[in-house]
C-alpha atoms as a PDB file:
ATOM      1  CA  MET A   1     -54.111  68.236  23.858  1.00  0.00           C
ATOM      2  CA  SER A   2     -51.864  69.253  21.026  1.00  0.00           C
ATOM      3  CA  THR A   3     -52.760  67.988  17.564  1.00  0.00           C
ATOM      4  CA  SER A   4     -49.439  68.945  16.028  1.00  0.00           C
ATOM      5  CA  GLU A   5     -47.217  66.152  14.763  1.00  0.00           C
ATOM      6  CA  PRO A   6     -44.348  65.240  17.100  1.00  0.00           C
ATOM      7  CA  ASP A   7     -40.858  66.368  16.169  1.00  0.00           C
ATOM      8  CA  LEU A   8     -38.971  63.545  14.460  1.00  0.00           C
ATOM      9  CA  ASP A   9     -35.274  63.174  15.048  1.00  0.00           C
ATOM     10  CA  PRO A  10     -33.714  63.186  11.564  1.00  0.00           C
ATOM     11  CA  GLY A  11     -30.601  61.529  12.902  1.00  0.00           C
ATOM     12  CA  PRO A  12     -27.069  62.585  12.062  1.00  0.00           C
ATOM     13  CA  ALA A  13     -26.550  64.565   8.872  1.00  0.00           C
ATOM     14  CA  PRO A  14     -24.909  62.590   6.059  1.00  0.00           C
ATOM     15  CA  ASP A  15     -21.170  63.098   5.742  1.00  0.00           C
ATOM     16  CA  PRO A  16     -20.619  65.354   2.681  1.00  0.00           C
ATOM     17  CA  ALA A  17     -17.396  63.486   1.942  1.00  0.00           C
ATOM     18  CA  PHE A  18     -19.186  60.156   1.547  1.00  0.00           C
ATOM     19  CA  GLY A  19     -20.103  60.608  -2.120  1.00  0.00           C
ATOM     20  CA  GLU A  20     -16.613  61.574  -3.289  1.00  0.00           C
ATOM     21  CA  ARG A  21     -15.098  58.084  -3.462  1.00  0.00           C
ATOM     22  CA  ARG A  22     -15.849  57.312  -7.118  1.00  0.00           C
ATOM     23  CA  ARG A  23     -14.399  60.600  -8.357  1.00  0.00           C
ATOM     24  CA  LEU A  24     -11.338  60.233  -6.125  1.00  0.00           C
ATOM     25  CA  ILE A  25     -10.609  56.758  -7.502  1.00  0.00           C
ATOM     26  CA  ALA A  26     -11.060  58.114 -11.042  1.00  0.00           C
ATOM     27  CA  VAL A  27      -8.396  60.740 -10.317  1.00  0.00           C
ATOM     28  CA  ALA A  28      -6.048  58.394  -8.442  1.00  0.00           C
ATOM     29  CA  TYR A  29      -6.186  55.683 -11.103  1.00  0.00           C
ATOM     30  CA  ARG A  30      -5.102  58.116 -13.803  1.00  0.00           C
ATOM     31  CA  LEU A  31      -2.317  59.381 -11.571  1.00  0.00           C
ATOM     32  CA  LEU A  32      -1.023  55.916 -10.614  1.00  0.00           C
ATOM     33  CA  GLY A  33      -2.042  53.548 -13.430  1.00  0.00           C
ATOM     34  CA  SER A  34      -2.994  50.959 -10.819  1.00  0.00           C
ATOM     35  CA  LEU A  35      -6.491  50.375  -9.519  1.00  0.00           C
ATOM     36  CA  ALA A  36      -5.192  48.637  -6.396  1.00  0.00           C
ATOM     37  CA  ASP A  37      -2.871  51.543  -5.574  1.00  0.00           C
ATOM     38  CA  ALA A  38      -5.623  54.051  -6.376  1.00  0.00           C
ATOM     39  CA  GLU A  39      -7.993  52.347  -3.953  1.00  0.00           C
ATOM     40  CA  ASP A  40      -5.289  52.330  -1.270  1.00  0.00           C
ATOM     41  CA  ALA A  41      -4.562  56.038  -1.809  1.00  0.00           C
ATOM     42  CA  VAL A  42      -8.241  56.950  -1.544  1.00  0.00           C
ATOM     43  CA  GLN A  43      -8.643  54.770   1.538  1.00  0.00           C
ATOM     44  CA  GLU A  44      -5.727  56.591   3.168  1.00  0.00           C
ATOM     45  CA  ALA A  45      -7.268  59.969   2.284  1.00  0.00           C
ATOM     46  CA  TYR A  46     -10.515  58.946   3.957  1.00  0.00           C
ATOM     47  CA  ALA A  47      -8.605  57.647   6.979  1.00  0.00           C
ATOM     48  CA  ARG A  48      -7.054  61.090   7.395  1.00  0.00           C
ATOM     49  CA  TRP A  49     -10.470  62.721   6.979  1.00  0.00           C
ATOM     50  CA  TYR A  50     -12.049  60.628   9.729  1.00  0.00           C
ATOM     51  CA  ALA A  51      -8.996  61.025  11.954  1.00  0.00           C
ATOM     52  CA  MET A  52     -10.023  64.681  12.342  1.00  0.00           C
ATOM     53  CA  SER A  53     -12.587  65.679  14.927  1.00  0.00           C
ATOM     54  CA  ALA A  54     -16.160  66.412  13.875  1.00  0.00           C
ATOM     55  CA  ARG A  55     -15.498  70.103  14.489  1.00  0.00           C
ATOM     56  CA  GLN A  56     -12.414  70.046  12.234  1.00  0.00           C
ATOM     57  CA  ARG A  57     -14.346  68.294   9.454  1.00  0.00           C
ATOM     58  CA  ALA A  58     -17.223  70.760   9.752  1.00  0.00           C
ATOM     59  CA  ALA A  59     -14.749  73.615   9.271  1.00  0.00           C
ATOM     60  CA  VAL A  60     -13.731  72.279   5.825  1.00  0.00           C
ATOM     61  CA  GLU A  61     -15.781  74.282   3.334  1.00  0.00           C
ATOM     62  CA  VAL A  62     -15.417  71.852   0.409  1.00  0.00           C
ATOM     63  CA  PRO A  63     -14.734  68.276   1.592  1.00  0.00           C
ATOM     64  CA  GLY A  64     -14.274  67.030  -1.978  1.00  0.00           C
ATOM     65  CA  ALA A  65     -11.499  69.538  -2.618  1.00  0.00           C
ATOM     66  CA  TRP A  66      -9.830  68.636   0.689  1.00  0.00           C
ATOM     67  CA  LEU A  67      -9.952  64.925  -0.114  1.00  0.00           C
ATOM     68  CA  THR A  68      -8.681  65.494  -3.660  1.00  0.00           C
ATOM     69  CA  THR A  69      -5.732  67.494  -2.340  1.00  0.00           C
ATOM     70  CA  VAL A  70      -4.829  64.806   0.196  1.00  0.00           C
ATOM     71  CA  ALA A  71      -5.315  61.918  -2.262  1.00  0.00           C
ATOM     72  CA  ALA A  72      -3.260  63.682  -4.950  1.00  0.00           C
ATOM     73  CA  ARG A  73      -0.420  64.297  -2.481  1.00  0.00           C
ATOM     74  CA  ILE A  74      -0.480  60.629  -1.501  1.00  0.00           C
ATOM     75  CA  CYS A  75      -0.369  59.699  -5.204  1.00  0.00           C
ATOM     76  CA  LEU A  76       2.557  62.074  -5.750  1.00  0.00           C
ATOM     77  CA  ASP A  77       4.509  60.305  -3.007  1.00  0.00           C
ATOM     78  CA  LEU A  78       3.579  56.898  -4.423  1.00  0.00           C
ATOM     79  CA  LEU A  79       4.698  57.908  -7.915  1.00  0.00           C
ATOM     80  CA  GLY A  80       8.130  58.793  -6.551  1.00  0.00           C
ATOM     81  CA  SER A  81       8.584  55.412  -4.876  1.00  0.00           C
ATOM     82  CA  ALA A  82       7.007  53.542  -7.801  1.00  0.00           C
ATOM     83  CA  ARG A  83       9.910  54.432 -10.086  1.00  0.00           C
ATOM     84  CA  ALA A  84      12.340  52.623  -7.823  1.00  0.00           C
ATOM     85  CA  ARG A  85      10.030  49.604  -7.530  1.00  0.00           C
ATOM     86  CA  ARG A  86       9.572  49.364 -11.290  1.00  0.00           C
ATOM     87  CA  GLU A  87      13.320  49.301 -11.848  1.00  0.00           C
ATOM     88  CA  ARG A  88      13.220  45.931 -10.051  1.00  0.00           C
ATOM     89  CA  TYR A  89      10.087  44.742 -11.845  1.00  0.00           C
ATOM     90  CA  VAL A  90      10.456  41.567 -13.908  1.00  0.00           C
ATOM     91  CA  GLY A  91       9.897  42.457 -17.563  1.00  0.00           C
ATOM     92  CA  ALA A  92       7.729  45.329 -18.797  1.00  0.00           C
ATOM     93  CA  TRP A  93       5.353  47.185 -16.467  1.00  0.00           C
ATOM     94  CA  ILE A  94       1.950  47.944 -17.995  1.00  0.00           C
ATOM     95  CA  PRO A  95      -0.803  49.931 -16.263  1.00  0.00           C
ATOM     96  CA  GLU A  96      -3.514  47.821 -14.690  1.00  0.00           C
ATOM     97  CA  PRO A  97      -6.351  47.205 -17.192  1.00  0.00           C
ATOM     98  CA  LEU A  98      -9.896  48.256 -16.283  1.00  0.00           C
ATOM     99  CA  PRO A  99     -13.082  46.358 -17.075  1.00  0.00           C
ATOM    100  CA  ASP A 100     -16.074  48.268 -18.398  1.00  0.00           C
ATOM    101  CA  ARG A 101     -18.545  47.191 -15.719  1.00  0.00           C
ATOM    102  CA  THR A 102     -17.777  50.107 -13.414  1.00  0.00           C
ATOM    103  CA  ASP A 103     -18.008  53.839 -14.130  1.00  0.00           C
ATOM    104  CA  TRP A 104     -14.493  55.199 -13.650  1.00  0.00           C
ATOM    105  CA  THR A 105     -15.234  58.612 -15.171  1.00  0.00           C
ATOM    106  CA  GLY A 106     -16.388  60.486 -12.096  1.00  0.00           C
ATOM    107  CA  GLY A 107     -19.756  61.107 -13.741  1.00  0.00           C
ATOM    108  CA  PRO A 108     -19.676  64.571 -15.410  1.00  0.00           C
ATOM    109  CA  ALA A 109     -22.976  65.672 -16.910  1.00  0.00           C
ATOM    110  CA  ASP A 110     -21.531  66.898 -20.225  1.00  0.00           C
ATOM    111  CA  PRO A 111     -21.421  63.991 -22.768  1.00  0.00           C
ATOM    112  CA  ALA A 112     -18.306  65.533 -24.370  1.00  0.00           C
ATOM    113  CA  ASP A 113     -16.575  65.382 -20.984  1.00  0.00           C
ATOM    114  CA  ARG A 114     -17.585  61.730 -20.663  1.00  0.00           C
ATOM    115  CA  VAL A 115     -15.829  61.011 -23.975  1.00  0.00           C
ATOM    116  CA  ALA A 116     -12.722  62.866 -22.835  1.00  0.00           C
ATOM    117  CA  LEU A 117     -12.536  61.055 -19.516  1.00  0.00           C
ATOM    118  CA  HIS A 118     -13.129  57.634 -21.048  1.00  0.00           C
ATOM    119  CA  GLU A 119     -10.334  58.306 -23.537  1.00  0.00           C
ATOM    120  CA  SER A 120      -8.041  59.350 -20.682  1.00  0.00           C
ATOM    121  CA  VAL A 121      -8.023  55.760 -19.438  1.00  0.00           C
ATOM    122  CA  ASN A 122      -7.166  54.061 -22.720  1.00  0.00           C
ATOM    123  CA  MET A 123      -3.961  52.100 -22.482  1.00  0.00           C
ATOM    124  CA  ALA A 124      -2.036  54.133 -25.061  1.00  0.00           C
ATOM    125  CA  PHE A 125      -2.666  57.283 -23.044  1.00  0.00           C
ATOM    126  CA  LEU A 126      -1.756  55.665 -19.712  1.00  0.00           C
ATOM    127  CA  VAL A 127       1.505  54.362 -21.157  1.00  0.00           C
ATOM    128  CA  VAL A 128       2.454  57.914 -22.174  1.00  0.00           C
ATOM    129  CA  LEU A 129       1.651  59.117 -18.652  1.00  0.00           C
ATOM    130  CA  GLU A 130       4.230  56.644 -17.377  1.00  0.00           C
ATOM    131  CA  SER A 131       6.934  58.623 -19.202  1.00  0.00           C
ATOM    132  CA  MET A 132       6.190  61.789 -17.232  1.00  0.00           C
ATOM    133  CA  THR A 133       7.823  62.890 -14.019  1.00  0.00           C
ATOM    134  CA  PRO A 134       5.526  62.615 -10.972  1.00  0.00           C
ATOM    135  CA  ALA A 135       4.991  66.391 -10.844  1.00  0.00           C
ATOM    136  CA  GLU A 136       4.289  66.556 -14.603  1.00  0.00           C
ATOM    137  CA  ARG A 137       1.781  63.759 -14.346  1.00  0.00           C
ATOM    138  CA  VAL A 138      -0.125  65.301 -11.444  1.00  0.00           C
ATOM    139  CA  ALA A 139      -0.222  68.764 -13.029  1.00  0.00           C
ATOM    140  CA  PHE A 140      -1.195  67.443 -16.458  1.00  0.00           C
ATOM    141  CA  VAL A 141      -3.876  64.996 -15.297  1.00  0.00           C
ATOM    142  CA  LEU A 142      -5.496  67.363 -12.830  1.00  0.00           C
ATOM    143  CA  HIS A 143      -5.550  70.275 -15.283  1.00  0.00           C
ATOM    144  CA  ASP A 144      -5.982  68.745 -18.747  1.00  0.00           C
ATOM    145  CA  VAL A 145      -8.222  65.827 -17.788  1.00  0.00           C
ATOM    146  CA  PHE A 146     -10.098  67.028 -14.709  1.00  0.00           C
ATOM    147  CA  ARG A 147      -9.876  70.806 -15.362  1.00  0.00           C
ATOM    148  CA  TYR A 148      -8.495  71.777 -11.971  1.00  0.00           C
ATOM    149  CA  PRO A 149      -7.153  75.346 -11.970  1.00  0.00           C
ATOM    150  CA  PHE A 150      -3.411  75.778 -11.591  1.00  0.00           C
ATOM    151  CA  ALA A 151      -3.917  77.733  -8.370  1.00  0.00           C
ATOM    152  CA  GLU A 152      -5.366  74.587  -6.739  1.00  0.00           C
ATOM    153  CA  ILE A 153      -2.753  72.289  -8.274  1.00  0.00           C
ATOM    154  CA  ALA A 154      -0.025  74.559  -6.887  1.00  0.00           C
ATOM    155  CA  GLY A 155      -1.207  73.788  -3.374  1.00  0.00           C
ATOM    156  CA  ILE A 156      -1.054  70.064  -4.065  1.00  0.00           C
ATOM    157  CA  ILE A 157       2.455  69.793  -5.489  1.00  0.00           C
ATOM    158  CA  ALA A 158       3.987  72.740  -3.627  1.00  0.00           C
ATOM    159  CA  ARG A 159       4.877  74.677  -6.779  1.00  0.00           C
ATOM    160  CA  SER A 160       3.789  78.085  -8.037  1.00  0.00           C
ATOM    161  CA  PRO A 161       0.816  78.259 -10.441  1.00  0.00           C
ATOM    162  CA  ALA A 162       3.237  79.340 -13.184  1.00  0.00           C
ATOM    163  CA  ALA A 163       5.436  76.307 -12.525  1.00  0.00           C
ATOM    164  CA  CYS A 164       2.366  74.044 -12.604  1.00  0.00           C
ATOM    165  CA  ARG A 165       1.397  75.538 -15.950  1.00  0.00           C
ATOM    166  CA  GLN A 166       4.852  74.707 -17.309  1.00  0.00           C
ATOM    167  CA  LEU A 167       4.653  71.154 -15.928  1.00  0.00           C
ATOM    168  CA  ALA A 168       1.293  70.576 -17.602  1.00  0.00           C
ATOM    169  CA  ALA A 169       2.623  72.004 -20.865  1.00  0.00           C
ATOM    170  CA  SER A 170       5.593  69.629 -20.686  1.00  0.00           C
ATOM    171  CA  GLY A 171       3.248  66.701 -20.141  1.00  0.00           C
ATOM    172  CA  ARG A 172       1.139  67.875 -23.060  1.00  0.00           C
ATOM    173  CA  ARG A 173       4.205  67.869 -25.323  1.00  0.00           C
ATOM    174  CA  ARG A 174       4.974  64.282 -24.306  1.00  0.00           C
ATOM    175  CA  VAL A 175       1.457  63.239 -25.250  1.00  0.00           C
ATOM    176  CA  ARG A 176       1.599  65.033 -28.603  1.00  0.00           C
ATOM    177  CA  SER A 177       4.964  63.509 -29.468  1.00  0.00           C
ATOM    178  CA  ALA A 178       3.531  60.044 -28.875  1.00  0.00           C
ATOM    179  CA  GLN A 179       0.636  60.559 -31.281  1.00  0.00           C
ATOM    180  CA  PRO A 180       0.886  59.177 -34.817  1.00  0.00           C
ATOM    181  CA  PRO A 181       0.758  61.852 -37.541  1.00  0.00           C
ATOM    182  CA  ALA A 182      -2.703  60.767 -38.700  1.00  0.00           C
ATOM    183  CA  SER A 183      -4.456  60.047 -35.432  1.00  0.00           C
ATOM    184  CA  THR A 184      -7.879  58.406 -35.499  1.00  0.00           C
ATOM    185  CA  GLY A 185      -8.735  59.931 -32.144  1.00  0.00           C
ATOM    186  CA  THR A 186      -8.256  56.637 -30.279  1.00  0.00           C
ATOM    187  CA  GLY A 187      -4.618  56.843 -29.270  1.00  0.00           C
ATOM    188  CA  ALA A 188      -2.711  58.761 -26.634  1.00  0.00           C
ATOM    189  CA  GLY A 189      -4.039  62.223 -26.060  1.00  0.00           C
ATOM    190  CA  ALA A 190      -7.432  61.772 -27.623  1.00  0.00           C
ATOM    191  CA  GLY A 191     -10.024  63.824 -25.833  1.00  0.00           C
ATOM    192  CA  THR A 192      -7.600  65.607 -23.514  1.00  0.00           C
ATOM    193  CA  GLY A 193      -7.112  68.794 -25.455  1.00  0.00           C
ATOM    194  CA  THR A 194      -3.980  67.329 -27.053  1.00  0.00           C
ATOM    195  CA  GLY A 195      -5.613  65.359 -29.830  1.00  0.00           C
ATOM    196  CA  PRO A 196      -8.714  65.380 -32.037  1.00  0.00           C
ATOM    197  CA  ARG A 197     -12.125  64.748 -30.531  1.00  0.00           C
ATOM    198  CA  ALA A 198     -14.506  62.822 -32.768  1.00  0.00           C
ATOM    199  CA  SER A 199     -18.100  63.909 -33.272  1.00  0.00           C
ATOM    200  CA  GLY A 200     -20.800  61.622 -31.886  1.00  0.00           C
ATOM    201  CA  ALA A 201     -21.473  59.999 -35.261  1.00  0.00           C
ATOM    202  CA  THR A 202     -17.789  59.639 -36.093  1.00  0.00           C
ATOM    203  CA  ALA A 203     -17.022  58.228 -32.664  1.00  0.00           C
ATOM    204  CA  THR A 204     -19.770  55.636 -33.078  1.00  0.00           C
ATOM    205  CA  ALA A 205     -18.506  54.638 -36.506  1.00  0.00           C
ATOM    206  CA  THR A 206     -14.951  54.475 -35.244  1.00  0.00           C
ATOM    207  CA  ALA A 207     -15.963  52.353 -32.262  1.00  0.00           C
ATOM    208  CA  ALA A 208     -17.851  49.974 -34.579  1.00  0.00           C
ATOM    209  CA  GLY A 209     -14.787  49.681 -36.814  1.00  0.00           C
ATOM    210  CA  GLN A 210     -12.539  49.044 -33.847  1.00  0.00           C
ATOM    211  CA  ALA A 211     -14.840  46.345 -32.511  1.00  0.00           C
ATOM    212  CA  ALA A 212     -14.938  44.665 -35.916  1.00  0.00           C
ATOM    213  CA  LEU A 213     -11.147  44.733 -36.201  1.00  0.00           C
ATOM    214  CA  VAL A 214     -10.720  43.185 -32.742  1.00  0.00           C
ATOM    215  CA  ARG A 215     -13.353  40.547 -33.596  1.00  0.00           C
ATOM    216  CA  HIS A 216     -11.491  39.593 -36.795  1.00  0.00           C
ATOM    217  CA  PHE A 217      -8.260  39.445 -34.783  1.00  0.00           C
ATOM    218  CA  LYS A 218      -9.894  37.126 -32.238  1.00  0.00           C
ATOM    219  CA  GLU A 219     -11.249  34.841 -34.955  1.00  0.00           C
ATOM    220  CA  ALA A 220      -7.873  34.620 -36.695  1.00  0.00           C
ATOM    221  CA  TRP A 221      -6.144  33.869 -33.393  1.00  0.00           C
ATOM    222  CA  GLU A 222      -8.680  31.159 -32.521  1.00  0.00           C
ATOM    223  CA  ALA A 223      -8.261  29.615 -35.976  1.00  0.00           C
ATOM    224  CA  ARG A 224      -4.468  29.854 -35.643  1.00  0.00           C
ATOM    225  CA  ASP A 225      -4.476  31.528 -39.035  1.00  0.00           C
ATOM    226  CA  ILE A 226      -1.089  33.194 -39.130  1.00  0.00           C
ATOM    227  CA  LYS A 227      -1.673  34.729 -42.566  1.00  0.00           C
ATOM    228  CA  ALA A 228      -4.881  36.398 -41.394  1.00  0.00           C
ATOM    229  CA  LEU A 229      -3.169  37.676 -38.230  1.00  0.00           C
ATOM    230  CA  VAL A 230      -0.324  39.186 -40.230  1.00  0.00           C
ATOM    231  CA  GLY A 231      -2.879  40.904 -42.443  1.00  0.00           C
ATOM    232  CA  LEU A 232      -4.562  42.460 -39.398  1.00  0.00           C
ATOM    233  CA  LEU A 233      -1.309  43.669 -37.824  1.00  0.00           C
ATOM    234  CA  ASP A 234       0.589  46.749 -38.915  1.00  0.00           C
ATOM    235  CA  PRO A 235       4.014  45.674 -40.261  1.00  0.00           C
ATOM    236  CA  ASP A 236       5.628  47.834 -37.553  1.00  0.00           C
ATOM    237  CA  ALA A 237       3.271  46.751 -34.768  1.00  0.00           C
ATOM    238  CA  THR A 238       4.589  46.189 -31.248  1.00  0.00           C
ATOM    239  CA  MET A 239       3.364  43.838 -28.538  1.00  0.00           C
ATOM    240  CA  VAL A 240       4.340  44.291 -24.893  1.00  0.00           C
ATOM    241  CA  ALA A 241       3.489  41.677 -22.259  1.00  0.00           C
ATOM    242  CA  ASP A 242       3.431  42.084 -18.482  1.00  0.00           C
ATOM    243  CA  GLY A 243       3.766  38.944 -16.386  1.00  0.00           C
ATOM    244  CA  GLY A 244       5.520  40.567 -13.450  1.00  0.00           C
ATOM    245  CA  GLY A 245       7.500  37.388 -12.879  1.00  0.00           C
ATOM    246  CA  LEU A 246       4.260  35.670 -11.802  1.00  0.00           C
ATOM    247  CA  ALA A 247       3.060  34.497 -15.224  1.00  0.00           C
ATOM    248  CA  GLY A 248       4.835  33.580 -18.422  1.00  0.00           C
ATOM    249  CA  ALA A 249       5.396  36.574 -20.692  1.00  0.00           C
ATOM    250  CA  ALA A 250       7.953  37.865 -23.167  1.00  0.00           C
ATOM    251  CA  LEU A 251      10.443  39.971 -21.220  1.00  0.00           C
ATOM    252  CA  ARG A 252      11.037  42.299 -24.177  1.00  0.00           C
ATOM    253  CA  PRO A 253       8.654  43.848 -26.695  1.00  0.00           C
ATOM    254  CA  VAL A 254       7.834  41.690 -29.713  1.00  0.00           C
ATOM    255  CA  GLU A 255       8.225  43.895 -32.778  1.00  0.00           C
ATOM    256  CA  GLY A 256       6.848  43.441 -36.282  1.00  0.00           C
ATOM    257  CA  GLY A 257       3.508  42.071 -37.417  1.00  0.00           C
ATOM    258  CA  GLU A 258       4.861  38.732 -38.584  1.00  0.00           C
ATOM    259  CA  ARG A 259       6.807  38.068 -35.376  1.00  0.00           C
ATOM    260  CA  ILE A 260       3.784  38.982 -33.254  1.00  0.00           C
ATOM    261  CA  ALA A 261       1.561  36.635 -35.253  1.00  0.00           C
ATOM    262  CA  GLN A 262       4.050  33.782 -34.828  1.00  0.00           C
ATOM    263  CA  TYR A 263       4.309  34.477 -31.100  1.00  0.00           C
ATOM    264  CA  LEU A 264       0.515  34.442 -30.679  1.00  0.00           C
ATOM    265  CA  ILE A 265       0.143  31.173 -32.569  1.00  0.00           C
ATOM    266  CA  HIS A 266       2.894  29.654 -30.427  1.00  0.00           C
ATOM    267  CA  MET A 267       1.153  30.797 -27.230  1.00  0.00           C
ATOM    268  CA  ALA A 268      -2.203  29.431 -28.422  1.00  0.00           C
ATOM    269  CA  ALA A 269      -0.620  26.035 -29.049  1.00  0.00           C
ATOM    270  CA  LYS A 270       0.783  26.000 -25.504  1.00  0.00           C
ATOM    271  CA  ALA A 271      -2.575  26.823 -23.893  1.00  0.00           C
ATOM    272  CA  PRO A 272      -5.273  24.358 -24.991  1.00  0.00           C
ATOM    273  CA  GLY A 273      -8.704  25.135 -23.630  1.00  0.00           C
ATOM    274  CA  LEU A 274      -8.180  28.893 -23.676  1.00  0.00           C
ATOM    275  CA  THR A 275     -11.350  30.918 -24.264  1.00  0.00           C
ATOM    276  CA  LEU A 276     -11.148  34.341 -25.914  1.00  0.00           C
ATOM    277  CA  LEU A 277     -13.828  36.909 -25.141  1.00  0.00           C
ATOM    278  CA  GLU A 278     -14.475  40.328 -26.654  1.00  0.00           C
ATOM    279  CA  ARG A 279     -14.560  42.856 -23.831  1.00  0.00           C
ATOM    280  CA  THR A 280     -14.146  46.581 -23.359  1.00  0.00           C
ATOM    281  CA  VAL A 281     -10.682  47.225 -21.919  1.00  0.00           C
ATOM    282  CA  ASN A 282      -9.955  50.738 -20.672  1.00  0.00           C
ATOM    283  CA  GLY A 283     -12.798  52.158 -22.709  1.00  0.00           C
ATOM    284  CA  VAL A 284     -12.008  50.535 -26.081  1.00  0.00           C
ATOM    285  CA  PRO A 285     -12.514  47.069 -27.637  1.00  0.00           C
ATOM    286  CA  GLY A 286     -10.108  44.458 -26.304  1.00  0.00           C
ATOM    287  CA  LEU A 287      -9.782  40.752 -25.645  1.00  0.00           C
ATOM    288  CA  VAL A 288      -9.852  38.685 -22.483  1.00  0.00           C
ATOM    289  CA  ALA A 289      -8.390  35.172 -22.298  1.00  0.00           C
ATOM    290  CA  ARG A 290      -9.887  32.837 -19.718  1.00  0.00           C
ATOM    291  CA  HIS A 291      -8.765  29.387 -18.649  1.00  0.00           C
ATOM    292  CA  ALA A 292     -10.767  27.142 -16.356  1.00  0.00           C
ATOM    293  CA  GLY A 293     -13.011  30.064 -15.475  1.00  0.00           C
ATOM    294  CA  THR A 294     -10.177  32.427 -14.554  1.00  0.00           C
ATOM    295  CA  THR A 295      -9.004  35.469 -16.493  1.00  0.00           C
ATOM    296  CA  VAL A 296      -5.349  34.880 -17.332  1.00  0.00           C
ATOM    297  CA  THR A 297      -4.708  37.632 -19.894  1.00  0.00           C
ATOM    298  CA  VAL A 298      -6.267  40.973 -20.743  1.00  0.00           C
ATOM    299  CA  ALA A 299      -5.191  42.454 -24.075  1.00  0.00           C
ATOM    300  CA  ALA A 300      -5.586  46.150 -24.851  1.00  0.00           C
ATOM    301  CA  PHE A 301      -5.141  47.410 -28.404  1.00  0.00           C
ATOM    302  CA  ASP A 302      -4.156  50.602 -30.158  1.00  0.00           C
ATOM    303  CA  LEU A 303      -5.780  50.549 -33.573  1.00  0.00           C
ATOM    304  CA  GLY A 304      -4.970  52.415 -36.751  1.00  0.00           C
ATOM    305  CA  ALA A 305      -7.392  52.893 -39.614  1.00  0.00           C
ATOM    306  CA  ASP A 306      -7.606  49.177 -40.404  1.00  0.00           C
ATOM    307  CA  ARG A 307      -4.790  47.447 -38.519  1.00  0.00           C
ATOM    308  CA  VAL A 308      -3.532  46.782 -35.016  1.00  0.00           C
ATOM    309  CA  THR A 309      -0.534  48.967 -34.173  1.00  0.00           C
ATOM    310  CA  HIS A 310       0.083  48.094 -30.501  1.00  0.00           C
ATOM    311  CA  ILE A 311      -0.935  45.277 -28.160  1.00  0.00           C
ATOM    312  CA  TRP A 312      -0.520  45.419 -24.400  1.00  0.00           C
ATOM    313  CA  ALA A 313      -1.044  41.984 -22.843  1.00  0.00           C
ATOM    314  CA  VAL A 314      -1.378  41.979 -19.068  1.00  0.00           C
ATOM    315  CA  ARG A 315      -0.782  38.557 -17.514  1.00  0.00           C
ATOM    316  CA  ASN A 316       0.321  39.496 -14.003  1.00  0.00           C
ATOM    317  CA  PRO A 317      -2.467  37.957 -11.863  1.00  0.00           C
ATOM    318  CA  GLU A 318      -2.142  40.756  -9.308  1.00  0.00           C
ATOM    319  CA  LYS A 319      -3.325  43.182 -12.009  1.00  0.00           C
ATOM    320  CA  LEU A 320      -6.260  40.989 -13.036  1.00  0.00           C
ATOM    321  CA  ARG A 321      -8.123  40.909  -9.711  1.00  0.00           C
ATOM    322  CA  ALA A 322     -10.857  43.242 -10.955  1.00  0.00           C
ATOM    323  CA  TRP A 323     -11.412  40.870 -13.882  1.00  0.00           C
ATOM    324  CA  ASN A 324     -11.791  37.856 -11.619  1.00  0.00           C
ATOM    325  CA  ARG A 325     -14.223  39.373  -9.142  1.00  0.00           C
ATOM    326  CA  GLU A 326     -17.689  37.885  -9.190  1.00  0.00           C
ATOM    327  CA  GLY A 327     -19.631  39.263 -12.137  1.00  0.00           C
ATOM    328  CA  ALA A 328     -16.587  40.873 -13.795  1.00  0.00           C
ATOM    329  CA  SER A 329     -16.911  38.869 -16.949  1.00  0.00           C
END
């Protein structure tokens, strides 16, 4: 009688593509500026993966690279059609804001890379990405943010590596031109190789200052203190609101600190029972407005040394689904 242990069937080997979803969504969100569209693009990439036979999938040496290529091509197609859709959009189109409860970075081990990737989702940076052509955006994001080599990017956008290098350089120039002369490291381009990267101590101090500024802004708004609001806003500040025709919002940017303060006080008077909460929005301090338990506005800020320079207020309920999921707030 044998005393050896019986062979145990280990079952099917885990699919190596299974663990790629988070990183793929991180890439797709930066390419599209919409979490919903990013999730759809990644879902389509996986559908194409599982549409192949087991033998075809086994022949793919690096499933993550295959999925990234397919997802990026899907995003490239979506970016082309998105321009036409946004021409018909009611009012301003703002990228979909992200809550802080989920890790959208793709999880690199290097803390400096974590800073760079978090900064690549701040609203100021995403707004600049919207000014790029689809090919520029794909080349720039994949190379400057995710460090993909141009030889791989060339296969995604059907251009030569040299052409991809030029596209990324063009995108880089757009980011640099959008930066204020004395950047604090929190605006467009921070952490992407196109702007300054703060040291750990400086970044912590800056984050604390930003949080304090947003808190003072919240308190002044709640108190309907127009003088305090004006003092916290840069005289040349701009506020852009996105209602998408589904929620009330200014159709044009509100320019000037005093006009923004008056607009905010007017909106507060029209919405009794509104609760303001301090939340991280796209990696930096922001505000969330809730009414009857539902998030109705998410405000992202671009902050100077001691004043608010830009406000992006997203009110389109279709862009606030992540904020209204159970446990989001």
